Protein backbone atom coordinates (compact mmCIF):
# COMPACT_ATOMS: atom_id res chain seq x y z
CA MET A 1 53.70 168.27 150.00
CA THR A 2 51.55 171.36 149.52
CA LEU A 3 49.34 171.25 146.44
CA THR A 4 48.54 174.20 144.23
CA PRO A 5 44.85 174.85 143.54
CA LYS A 6 45.33 173.45 140.03
CA GLU A 7 46.99 170.29 141.36
CA SER A 8 44.14 169.84 143.86
CA SER A 9 41.62 170.19 141.06
CA LEU A 10 43.47 167.70 138.85
CA LEU A 11 43.68 165.22 141.71
CA LYS A 12 39.96 165.56 142.31
CA ASP A 13 39.35 164.74 138.63
CA MET A 14 41.71 161.76 138.77
CA ILE A 15 40.10 160.44 141.96
CA GLY A 16 36.75 160.53 140.20
CA GLU A 17 38.24 158.74 137.20
CA GLU A 18 39.82 156.04 139.36
CA GLN A 19 36.55 155.55 141.27
CA LEU A 20 34.80 155.07 137.95
CA CYS A 21 37.48 152.67 136.69
CA ALA A 22 37.40 150.55 139.84
CA ALA A 23 33.59 150.42 139.85
CA LYS A 24 33.41 149.52 136.16
CA TYR A 25 35.97 146.73 136.45
CA GLN A 26 34.19 145.26 139.47
CA LYS A 27 30.76 145.54 137.84
CA TYR A 28 32.02 144.09 134.58
CA ALA A 29 33.80 141.24 136.40
CA ASN A 30 30.35 140.24 137.67
CA GLU A 31 28.81 140.57 134.21
CA ALA A 32 31.52 138.90 132.11
CA LYS A 33 30.61 135.54 130.61
CA ALA A 34 34.09 134.01 130.30
CA PRO A 35 35.85 133.04 133.56
CA GLU A 36 39.16 134.26 132.11
CA LEU A 37 37.68 137.71 131.55
CA LYS A 38 36.13 137.76 135.02
CA ALA A 39 39.59 137.08 136.48
CA LEU A 40 41.24 139.71 134.27
CA PHE A 41 38.71 142.37 135.27
CA SER A 42 38.97 141.48 138.98
CA GLY A 43 42.76 141.73 138.90
CA ILE A 44 42.69 145.11 137.22
CA ALA A 45 40.00 146.32 139.65
CA SER A 46 42.42 145.67 142.51
CA THR A 47 45.11 147.78 140.86
CA GLU A 48 42.60 150.58 140.26
CA GLN A 49 41.77 150.53 143.97
CA GLU A 50 45.49 150.97 144.73
CA HIS A 51 45.61 153.93 142.35
CA LEU A 52 42.65 155.45 144.16
CA LYS A 53 44.37 154.95 147.53
CA THR A 54 47.54 156.63 146.24
CA LEU A 55 45.63 159.61 144.84
CA ASN A 56 43.72 160.07 148.09
CA GLN A 57 47.03 160.10 149.98
CA MET A 58 48.39 162.69 147.56
CA GLN A 59 45.30 164.81 148.05
CA GLY A 60 45.99 164.66 151.77
CA GLY A 61 49.49 165.98 151.17
CA SER A 62 51.50 162.79 151.54
CA LEU A 63 53.31 160.82 148.93
CA GLY A 64 54.54 157.30 149.45
CA ALA A 65 57.60 155.86 147.80
CA VAL A 66 57.38 155.68 144.04
CA PRO A 67 57.79 152.05 142.95
CA SER A 68 61.14 151.59 141.24
CA GLN A 69 59.66 149.58 138.39
CA ILE A 70 56.42 148.41 136.93
CA PRO A 71 55.82 144.68 137.19
CA ALA A 72 55.25 142.86 133.92
CA PRO A 73 51.57 142.60 133.04
CA ASP A 74 49.85 139.36 134.01
CA LYS A 75 48.54 138.05 130.72
CA SER A 76 47.62 134.61 132.06
CA ASN A 77 43.94 135.39 131.47
CA CYS A 78 44.51 136.91 128.02
CA VAL A 79 43.78 133.67 126.21
CA ALA A 80 41.14 132.35 123.84
CA ALA A 81 38.01 131.65 125.84
CA GLN A 82 35.27 129.12 125.16
CA TYR A 83 32.00 130.95 124.68
CA ALA A 84 28.63 129.21 124.96
CA SER A 85 27.13 131.45 122.30
CA PRO A 86 27.99 134.29 119.93
CA ALA A 87 25.78 136.55 122.08
CA ASP A 88 27.95 135.86 125.14
CA LYS A 89 31.08 136.68 123.15
CA ASP A 90 29.48 139.89 121.85
CA ALA A 91 28.52 140.89 125.40
CA ASP A 92 32.10 140.38 126.60
CA ALA A 93 33.46 142.24 123.56
CA PHE A 94 31.30 145.23 124.49
CA LEU A 95 32.68 145.23 128.05
CA CYS A 96 36.26 145.04 126.78
CA LYS A 97 35.76 147.85 124.26
CA ASP A 98 34.20 150.08 126.89
CA LEU A 99 37.03 149.45 129.35
CA LEU A 100 39.69 149.98 126.68
CA ALA A 101 38.15 153.39 125.92
CA THR A 102 38.09 154.13 129.66
CA GLU A 103 41.79 153.25 129.96
CA LYS A 104 42.67 155.49 127.02
CA HIS A 105 40.84 158.37 128.69
CA ALA A 106 42.48 157.76 132.07
CA SER A 107 45.93 157.61 130.49
CA ALA A 108 45.34 160.92 128.72
CA LEU A 109 44.29 162.55 132.01
CA TYR A 110 47.42 161.26 133.73
CA ASN A 111 49.50 162.66 130.90
CA THR A 112 48.13 166.14 131.64
CA CYS A 113 48.77 165.70 135.36
CA VAL A 114 52.39 164.67 134.80
CA PHE A 115 53.02 167.99 133.07
CA GLU A 116 51.08 170.12 135.58
CA PHE A 117 52.48 168.94 138.92
CA THR A 118 55.38 170.87 140.45
CA TYR A 119 56.87 168.17 142.72
CA PRO A 120 59.17 165.79 140.83
CA GLU A 121 58.20 162.84 143.04
CA ALA A 122 54.50 163.51 142.43
CA ARG A 123 55.15 163.56 138.68
CA LYS A 124 57.02 160.27 138.98
CA MET A 125 54.13 158.69 140.88
CA LEU A 126 51.57 159.92 138.36
CA SER A 127 53.76 158.68 135.52
CA HIS A 128 54.00 155.29 137.24
CA ILE A 129 50.22 155.07 137.54
CA GLN A 130 49.85 156.13 133.91
CA ALA A 131 52.19 153.31 132.84
CA GLU A 132 50.03 150.85 134.78
CA GLU A 133 46.91 152.21 133.05
CA GLN A 134 48.64 151.62 129.73
CA GLN A 135 49.39 148.05 130.82
CA HIS A 136 45.71 147.56 131.56
CA GLY A 137 45.00 148.63 127.99
CA GLU A 138 47.63 146.18 126.76
CA MET A 139 46.04 143.33 128.71
CA LEU A 140 42.58 144.20 127.40
CA TYR A 141 43.92 144.34 123.85
CA SER A 142 45.65 140.96 124.31
CA TYR A 143 42.43 139.36 125.52
CA MET A 144 40.43 140.95 122.71
CA ASN A 145 43.00 139.91 120.11
CA ALA A 146 43.10 136.31 121.38
CA ASN A 147 39.31 136.19 121.08
CA ASN A 148 38.96 137.97 117.72
CA MET A 149 37.21 140.94 119.33
CA TYR A 150 39.58 143.66 118.17
CA SER A 151 39.20 145.17 114.75
């Protein structure tokens, strides 16, 4: 797969976004107060690392097989947590809100990429990643909703 200059530029932007996402999820997993939220953030961080790997392969001109479907989101950690204090809950709410905003931004960037890439298989892969980013947002929302953090 030979990339156009615009596609190369978009991939560079997306690689930076995925690096930021992965780093934030890992950092926030260490900072989260609730064990359920730590697990949720760690799980999503792993998926973000896979996105980064895929984008780096695309930048190198290769494209693996596009997954045929998106697995259902794991919402096992999207439950009401027991917080030791309101301050701990507020701290976790801040992390969730920041990551939800990050996911919204990443999804919007992928939307642009889907329309700009010339190779149909590349568009399918980017669309697949975008759908996973939207699932991350869904999982964050579910956790926030279960813990009365979403308004």
